[in-house]
Amino acid sequence: MSKENIPIPEEINKITGQIIGSAMAVHTALGPGLLESVYEACLTYELQSRGLKVERQVPVPVLYREVQLEIGFRIDLLVEKRVVVELKAVEKLLPIHEAQILTYLKLTGQRIGLLLNFNVVSMKKGIKRVAL
């Protein structure tokens, strides 16, 4: 069975639900127009207040020709060591943003990521779930 055919565990679906609910709470409180770093700090606080373990700015090494290189890639948030969260505060999400989170999933061996754009009128329009 290939990795794509393996169902996502219900636990991960619950975590992503908590992340989405937290993002909506932050967006409702702050609205669009702020820097990504503000949303990152507030989302981290919101997730932790809900009892989730959150790591910020997690380094992502690149393995090239059997050499591990610290190039400076960083995941915005890693929640419960299972879900990669990439935050944006841009006019609109572009294919390069989805490519970025897919690359982070591949490099970390994770299967699920959330791409969250806070620069939207309704947070529902700023959420993209990405799976490997």
N, C-alpha and C. Protein backbone atom coordinates (compact mmCIF):
# COMPACT_ATOMS: atom_id res chain seq x y z
N MET A 1 0.85 -1.18 0.00
CA MET A 1 0.00 0.00 0.00
C MET A 1 0.89 1.24 0.00
N SER A 2 0.66 2.16 -0.93
CA SER A 2 1.49 3.36 -1.00
C SER A 2 1.08 4.33 0.10
N LYS A 3 1.97 5.27 0.38
CA LYS A 3 1.75 6.23 1.45
C LYS A 3 0.47 7.04 1.20
N GLU A 4 0.18 7.33 -0.09
CA GLU A 4 -0.99 8.13 -0.44
C GLU A 4 -2.29 7.42 -0.08
N ASN A 5 -2.28 6.08 -0.06
CA ASN A 5 -3.50 5.33 0.20
C ASN A 5 -3.71 5.04 1.68
N ILE A 6 -2.76 5.38 2.51
CA ILE A 6 -2.90 5.15 3.95
C ILE A 6 -3.80 6.24 4.51
N PRO A 7 -4.89 5.87 5.19
CA PRO A 7 -5.80 6.89 5.71
C PRO A 7 -5.12 7.75 6.78
N ILE A 8 -5.56 9.00 6.85
CA ILE A 8 -5.06 9.93 7.87
C ILE A 8 -5.70 9.53 9.20
N PRO A 9 -4.89 9.32 10.25
CA PRO A 9 -5.46 8.94 11.55
C PRO A 9 -6.42 10.02 12.08
N GLU A 10 -7.46 9.58 12.75
CA GLU A 10 -8.46 10.50 13.30
C GLU A 10 -7.81 11.51 14.24
N GLU A 11 -6.75 11.10 14.94
CA GLU A 11 -6.04 12.01 15.86
C GLU A 11 -5.52 13.23 15.10
N ILE A 12 -4.99 13.03 13.91
CA ILE A 12 -4.48 14.15 13.12
C ILE A 12 -5.63 15.04 12.66
N ASN A 13 -6.75 14.45 12.29
CA ASN A 13 -7.92 15.25 11.92
C ASN A 13 -8.38 16.12 13.08
N LYS A 14 -8.32 15.59 14.30
CA LYS A 14 -8.70 16.38 15.48
C LYS A 14 -7.72 17.53 15.69
N ILE A 15 -6.43 17.26 15.49
CA ILE A 15 -5.42 18.31 15.66
C ILE A 15 -5.64 19.41 14.62
N THR A 16 -5.84 19.02 13.35
CA THR A 16 -6.06 20.05 12.32
C THR A 16 -7.34 20.84 12.60
N GLY A 17 -8.35 20.18 13.14
CA GLY A 17 -9.57 20.90 13.52
C GLY A 17 -9.30 21.94 14.59
N GLN A 18 -8.47 21.58 15.57
CA GLN A 18 -8.10 22.53 16.63
C GLN A 18 -7.29 23.70 16.06
N ILE A 19 -6.40 23.39 15.13
CA ILE A 19 -5.58 24.45 14.52
C ILE A 19 -6.47 25.42 13.74
N ILE A 20 -7.39 24.87 12.95
CA ILE A 20 -8.29 25.72 12.16
C ILE A 20 -9.17 26.56 13.08
N GLY A 21 -9.71 25.95 14.13
CA GLY A 21 -10.52 26.72 15.09
C GLY A 21 -9.72 27.82 15.76
N SER A 22 -8.47 27.52 16.08
CA SER A 22 -7.60 28.53 16.70
C SER A 22 -7.29 29.66 15.72
N ALA A 23 -7.02 29.30 14.46
CA ALA A 23 -6.74 30.33 13.45
C ALA A 23 -7.94 31.24 13.27
N MET A 24 -9.13 30.65 13.28
CA MET A 24 -10.34 31.47 13.13
C MET A 24 -10.52 32.40 14.34
N ALA A 25 -10.21 31.91 15.52
CA ALA A 25 -10.31 32.75 16.72
C ALA A 25 -9.34 33.92 16.65
N VAL A 26 -8.11 33.65 16.23
CA VAL A 26 -7.10 34.71 16.10
C VAL A 26 -7.54 35.72 15.04
N HIS A 27 -8.01 35.22 13.90
CA HIS A 27 -8.43 36.11 12.82
C HIS A 27 -9.63 36.96 13.24
N THR A 28 -10.57 36.37 13.96
CA THR A 28 -11.73 37.12 14.44
C THR A 28 -11.29 38.24 15.37
N ALA A 29 -10.32 37.96 16.23
CA ALA A 29 -9.85 38.96 17.19
C ALA A 29 -9.02 40.06 16.54
N LEU A 30 -8.19 39.70 15.56
CA LEU A 30 -7.23 40.66 15.00
C LEU A 30 -7.59 41.19 13.62
N GLY A 31 -8.29 40.37 12.83
CA GLY A 31 -8.59 40.76 11.46
C GLY A 31 -7.36 40.68 10.57
N PRO A 32 -7.53 41.03 9.29
CA PRO A 32 -6.40 41.00 8.35
C PRO A 32 -5.53 42.25 8.48
N GLY A 33 -4.36 42.21 7.82
CA GLY A 33 -3.54 43.41 7.69
C GLY A 33 -2.33 43.50 8.58
N LEU A 34 -2.10 42.50 9.42
CA LEU A 34 -0.92 42.53 10.30
C LEU A 34 0.20 41.69 9.72
N LEU A 35 1.35 41.76 10.34
CA LEU A 35 2.50 40.96 9.91
C LEU A 35 2.30 39.49 10.28
N GLU A 36 2.90 38.63 9.48
CA GLU A 36 2.85 37.19 9.72
C GLU A 36 3.33 36.85 11.13
N SER A 37 4.35 37.53 11.60
CA SER A 37 4.92 37.23 12.92
C SER A 37 3.91 37.47 14.04
N VAL A 38 3.01 38.43 13.87
CA VAL A 38 1.97 38.69 14.88
C VAL A 38 1.00 37.51 14.93
N TYR A 39 0.57 37.06 13.76
CA TYR A 39 -0.35 35.92 13.71
C TYR A 39 0.32 34.66 14.26
N GLU A 40 1.60 34.50 13.98
CA GLU A 40 2.33 33.33 14.48
C GLU A 40 2.35 33.32 16.01
N ALA A 41 2.66 34.44 16.61
CA ALA A 41 2.72 34.51 18.07
C ALA A 41 1.34 34.28 18.69
N CYS A 42 0.32 34.90 18.11
CA CYS A 42 -1.03 34.76 18.66
C CYS A 42 -1.57 33.35 18.45
N LEU A 43 -1.32 32.76 17.29
CA LEU A 43 -1.78 31.40 17.03
C LEU A 43 -1.08 30.41 17.96
N THR A 44 0.20 30.62 18.19
CA THR A 44 0.94 29.77 19.13
C THR A 44 0.30 29.83 20.51
N TYR A 45 0.02 31.04 20.97
CA TYR A 45 -0.62 31.22 22.28
C TYR A 45 -1.98 30.53 22.33
N GLU A 46 -2.78 30.72 21.29
CA GLU A 46 -4.12 30.12 21.23
C GLU A 46 -4.04 28.60 21.26
N LEU A 47 -3.14 28.02 20.48
CA LEU A 47 -2.99 26.57 20.44
C LEU A 47 -2.52 26.02 21.79
N GLN A 48 -1.55 26.70 22.39
CA GLN A 48 -1.06 26.25 23.70
C GLN A 48 -2.14 26.36 24.77
N SER A 49 -2.98 27.39 24.67
CA SER A 49 -4.06 27.55 25.65
C SER A 49 -5.10 26.43 25.50
N ARG A 50 -5.12 25.78 24.34
CA ARG A 50 -6.02 24.65 24.11
C ARG A 50 -5.33 23.31 24.44
N GLY A 51 -4.13 23.39 24.99
CA GLY A 51 -3.43 22.19 25.45
C GLY A 51 -2.59 21.48 24.40
N LEU A 52 -2.34 22.14 23.28
CA LEU A 52 -1.53 21.52 22.23
C LEU A 52 -0.06 21.91 22.36
N LYS A 53 0.82 20.99 22.01
CA LYS A 53 2.26 21.25 22.01
C LYS A 53 2.62 21.90 20.68
N VAL A 54 3.26 23.06 20.75
CA VAL A 54 3.58 23.84 19.55
C VAL A 54 5.06 24.22 19.57
N GLU A 55 5.72 23.97 18.44
CA GLU A 55 7.10 24.42 18.26
C GLU A 55 7.10 25.49 17.18
N ARG A 56 7.81 26.58 17.42
CA ARG A 56 7.89 27.68 16.45
C ARG A 56 9.24 27.69 15.75
N GLN A 57 9.21 28.08 14.48
CA GLN A 57 10.43 28.28 13.69
C GLN A 57 11.35 27.06 13.78
N VAL A 58 10.80 25.91 13.44
CA VAL A 58 11.53 24.64 13.53
C VAL A 58 12.47 24.51 12.33
N PRO A 59 13.78 24.35 12.58
CA PRO A 59 14.73 24.20 11.47
C PRO A 59 14.45 22.93 10.66
N VAL A 60 14.59 23.05 9.35
CA VAL A 60 14.39 21.91 8.45
C VAL A 60 15.68 21.70 7.67
N PRO A 61 16.47 20.70 8.03
CA PRO A 61 17.70 20.44 7.29
C PRO A 61 17.39 19.81 5.93
N VAL A 62 18.31 19.97 5.01
CA VAL A 62 18.19 19.36 3.69
C VAL A 62 19.28 18.31 3.57
N LEU A 63 18.89 17.10 3.16
CA LEU A 63 19.86 16.04 2.91
C LEU A 63 20.19 16.05 1.43
N TYR A 64 21.43 16.38 1.12
CA TYR A 64 21.88 16.44 -0.28
C TYR A 64 23.14 15.60 -0.43
N ARG A 65 23.06 14.59 -1.28
CA ARG A 65 24.18 13.69 -1.53
C ARG A 65 24.76 13.16 -0.22
N GLU A 66 23.85 12.71 0.65
CA GLU A 66 24.19 12.10 1.93
C GLU A 66 24.83 13.07 2.93
N VAL A 67 24.70 14.37 2.67
CA VAL A 67 25.22 15.37 3.60
C VAL A 67 24.03 16.19 4.09
N GLN A 68 23.92 16.32 5.41
CA GLN A 68 22.85 17.13 5.98
C GLN A 68 23.30 18.58 6.01
N LEU A 69 22.53 19.44 5.35
CA LEU A 69 22.86 20.86 5.26
C LEU A 69 21.83 21.70 6.02
N GLU A 70 22.31 22.59 6.85
CA GLU A 70 21.42 23.53 7.54
C GLU A 70 21.38 24.78 6.67
N ILE A 71 20.33 24.89 5.88
CA ILE A 71 20.25 25.95 4.88
C ILE A 71 19.45 27.15 5.36
N GLY A 72 18.67 26.98 6.40
CA GLY A 72 17.88 28.09 6.90
C GLY A 72 16.39 27.94 6.68
N PHE A 73 15.96 26.80 6.12
CA PHE A 73 14.52 26.56 6.01
C PHE A 73 13.96 26.41 7.41
N ARG A 74 12.78 27.00 7.65
CA ARG A 74 12.14 26.89 8.95
C ARG A 74 10.64 26.73 8.78
N ILE A 75 10.10 25.76 9.49
CA ILE A 75 8.65 25.59 9.55
C ILE A 75 8.12 26.62 10.53
N ASP A 76 7.07 27.33 10.15
CA ASP A 76 6.51 28.32 11.07
C ASP A 76 6.06 27.66 12.37
N LEU A 77 5.20 26.63 12.26
CA LEU A 77 4.73 25.92 13.45
C LEU A 77 4.69 24.42 13.17
N LEU A 78 5.07 23.65 14.17
CA LEU A 78 4.89 22.21 14.14
C LEU A 78 4.04 21.88 15.37
N VAL A 79 2.84 21.38 15.12
CA VAL A 79 1.88 21.14 16.20
C VAL A 79 1.82 19.65 16.51
N GLU A 80 2.03 19.35 17.80
CA GLU A 80 1.99 17.97 18.29
C GLU A 80 2.96 17.06 17.52
N LYS A 81 4.01 17.63 16.98
CA LYS A 81 5.01 16.89 16.20
C LYS A 81 4.39 16.12 15.04
N ARG A 82 3.19 16.56 14.58
CA ARG A 82 2.47 15.82 13.55
C ARG A 82 1.98 16.68 12.40
N VAL A 83 1.70 17.97 12.66
CA VAL A 83 1.10 18.82 11.63
C VAL A 83 1.99 20.05 11.39
N VAL A 84 2.38 20.23 10.13
CA VAL A 84 3.17 21.39 9.71
C VAL A 84 2.21 22.52 9.40
N VAL A 85 2.47 23.70 9.96
CA VAL A 85 1.62 24.86 9.71
C VAL A 85 2.48 25.97 9.13
N GLU A 86 2.10 26.42 7.96
CA GLU A 86 2.80 27.52 7.29
C GLU A 86 1.85 28.71 7.26
N LEU A 87 2.29 29.83 7.82
CA LEU A 87 1.47 31.03 7.91
C LEU A 87 1.85 32.02 6.83
N LYS A 88 0.85 32.71 6.32
CA LYS A 88 1.05 33.76 5.34
C LYS A 88 0.16 34.94 5.70
N ALA A 89 0.56 36.11 5.25
CA ALA A 89 -0.25 37.32 5.34
C ALA A 89 -0.08 38.02 3.99
N VAL A 90 -0.63 37.40 2.96
CA VAL A 90 -0.44 37.86 1.58
C VAL A 90 -1.79 38.13 0.92
N GLU A 91 -1.73 38.84 -0.21
CA GLU A 91 -2.96 39.17 -0.93
C GLU A 91 -3.73 37.93 -1.34
N LYS A 92 -3.00 36.92 -1.85
CA LYS A 92 -3.63 35.64 -2.16
C LYS A 92 -2.56 34.55 -2.16
N LEU A 93 -3.02 33.34 -1.87
CA LEU A 93 -2.11 32.20 -1.89
C LEU A 93 -1.78 31.87 -3.33
N LEU A 94 -0.52 31.55 -3.57
CA LEU A 94 -0.03 31.22 -4.90
C LEU A 94 0.44 29.77 -4.92
N PRO A 95 0.59 29.20 -6.11
CA PRO A 95 1.10 27.82 -6.20
C PRO A 95 2.45 27.63 -5.49
N ILE A 96 3.29 28.66 -5.47
CA ILE A 96 4.59 28.54 -4.81
C ILE A 96 4.43 28.32 -3.30
N HIS A 97 3.38 28.87 -2.71
CA HIS A 97 3.13 28.67 -1.28
C HIS A 97 2.77 27.21 -0.99
N GLU A 98 1.96 26.63 -1.86
CA GLU A 98 1.62 25.21 -1.70
C GLU A 98 2.86 24.34 -1.94
N ALA A 99 3.67 24.71 -2.93
CA ALA A 99 4.91 23.97 -3.19
C ALA A 99 5.83 24.02 -1.97
N GLN A 100 5.87 25.17 -1.31
CA GLN A 100 6.72 25.33 -0.12
C GLN A 100 6.29 24.36 0.98
N ILE A 101 5.02 24.30 1.28
CA ILE A 101 4.58 23.41 2.36
C ILE A 101 4.73 21.95 1.96
N LEU A 102 4.51 21.63 0.69
CA LEU A 102 4.75 20.25 0.23
C LEU A 102 6.21 19.86 0.41
N THR A 103 7.11 20.77 0.11
CA THR A 103 8.54 20.51 0.30
C THR A 103 8.85 20.29 1.77
N TYR A 104 8.27 21.10 2.66
CA TYR A 104 8.49 20.92 4.09
C TYR A 104 7.97 19.56 4.55
N LEU A 105 6.83 19.14 4.02
CA LEU A 105 6.30 17.82 4.38
C LEU A 105 7.26 16.73 3.94
N LYS A 106 7.76 16.82 2.73
CA LYS A 106 8.70 15.82 2.22
C LYS A 106 9.99 15.79 3.05
N LEU A 107 10.54 16.96 3.34
CA LEU A 107 11.80 17.03 4.07
C LEU A 107 11.68 16.54 5.51
N THR A 108 10.50 16.70 6.11
CA THR A 108 10.32 16.31 7.51
C THR A 108 9.71 14.92 7.68
N GLY A 109 9.17 14.36 6.59
CA GLY A 109 8.52 13.06 6.69
C GLY A 109 7.10 13.14 7.25
N GLN A 110 6.58 14.35 7.41
CA GLN A 110 5.20 14.51 7.88
C GLN A 110 4.24 14.33 6.72
N ARG A 111 2.97 14.07 7.03
CA ARG A 111 1.98 13.82 5.96
C ARG A 111 0.98 14.95 5.79
N ILE A 112 0.74 15.74 6.84
CA ILE A 112 -0.33 16.74 6.79
C ILE A 112 0.22 18.12 7.12
N GLY A 113 -0.23 19.08 6.33
CA GLY A 113 0.14 20.46 6.59
C GLY A 113 -1.06 21.37 6.38
N LEU A 114 -1.02 22.51 7.04
CA LEU A 114 -2.02 23.54 6.83
C LEU A 114 -1.33 24.81 6.38
N LEU A 115 -1.83 25.38 5.32
CA LEU A 115 -1.37 26.66 4.80
C LEU A 115 -2.44 27.66 5.18
N LEU A 116 -2.08 28.63 6.03
CA LEU A 116 -3.05 29.59 6.56
C LEU A 116 -2.68 31.00 6.15
N ASN A 117 -3.57 31.65 5.40
CA ASN A 117 -3.37 33.04 4.99
C ASN A 117 -4.31 33.92 5.81
N PHE A 118 -3.73 34.78 6.63
CA PHE A 118 -4.52 35.64 7.50
C PHE A 118 -4.94 36.95 6.84
N ASN A 119 -4.45 37.23 5.65
CA ASN A 119 -4.78 38.49 4.99
C ASN A 119 -6.02 38.32 4.10
N VAL A 120 -7.10 37.85 4.71
CA VAL A 120 -8.35 37.62 4.02
C VAL A 120 -9.49 38.20 4.87
N VAL A 121 -10.62 38.50 4.23
CA VAL A 121 -11.76 39.02 4.96
C VAL A 121 -12.36 37.94 5.84
N SER A 122 -12.48 36.72 5.29
CA SER A 122 -13.00 35.58 6.04
C SER A 122 -11.92 34.51 6.10
N MET A 123 -11.58 34.07 7.30
CA MET A 123 -10.51 33.08 7.47
C MET A 123 -10.80 31.80 6.71
N LYS A 124 -12.08 31.46 6.52
CA LYS A 124 -12.43 30.25 5.78
C LYS A 124 -11.81 30.26 4.39
N LYS A 125 -11.62 31.44 3.82
CA LYS A 125 -11.03 31.54 2.48
C LYS A 125 -9.51 31.48 2.51
N GLY A 126 -8.92 31.49 3.70
CA GLY A 126 -7.47 31.49 3.84
C GLY A 126 -6.89 30.18 4.32
N ILE A 127 -7.66 29.10 4.26
CA ILE A 127 -7.22 27.80 4.79
C ILE A 127 -7.06 26.80 3.65
N LYS A 128 -5.89 26.19 3.59
CA LYS A 128 -5.66 25.12 2.61
C LYS A 128 -4.98 23.97 3.34
N ARG A 129 -5.61 22.82 3.29
CA ARG A 129 -5.05 21.60 3.89
C ARG A 129 -4.27 20.87 2.80
N VAL A 130 -3.06 20.46 3.13
CA VAL A 130 -2.18 19.80 2.17
C VAL A 130 -1.77 18.46 2.75
N ALA A 131 -1.84 17.41 1.92
CA ALA A 131 -1.47 16.07 2.39
C ALA A 131 -0.54 15.41 1.39
N LEU A 132 0.38 14.62 1.91
CA LEU A 132 1.25 13.79 1.07
C LEU A 132 0.73 12.39 1.05
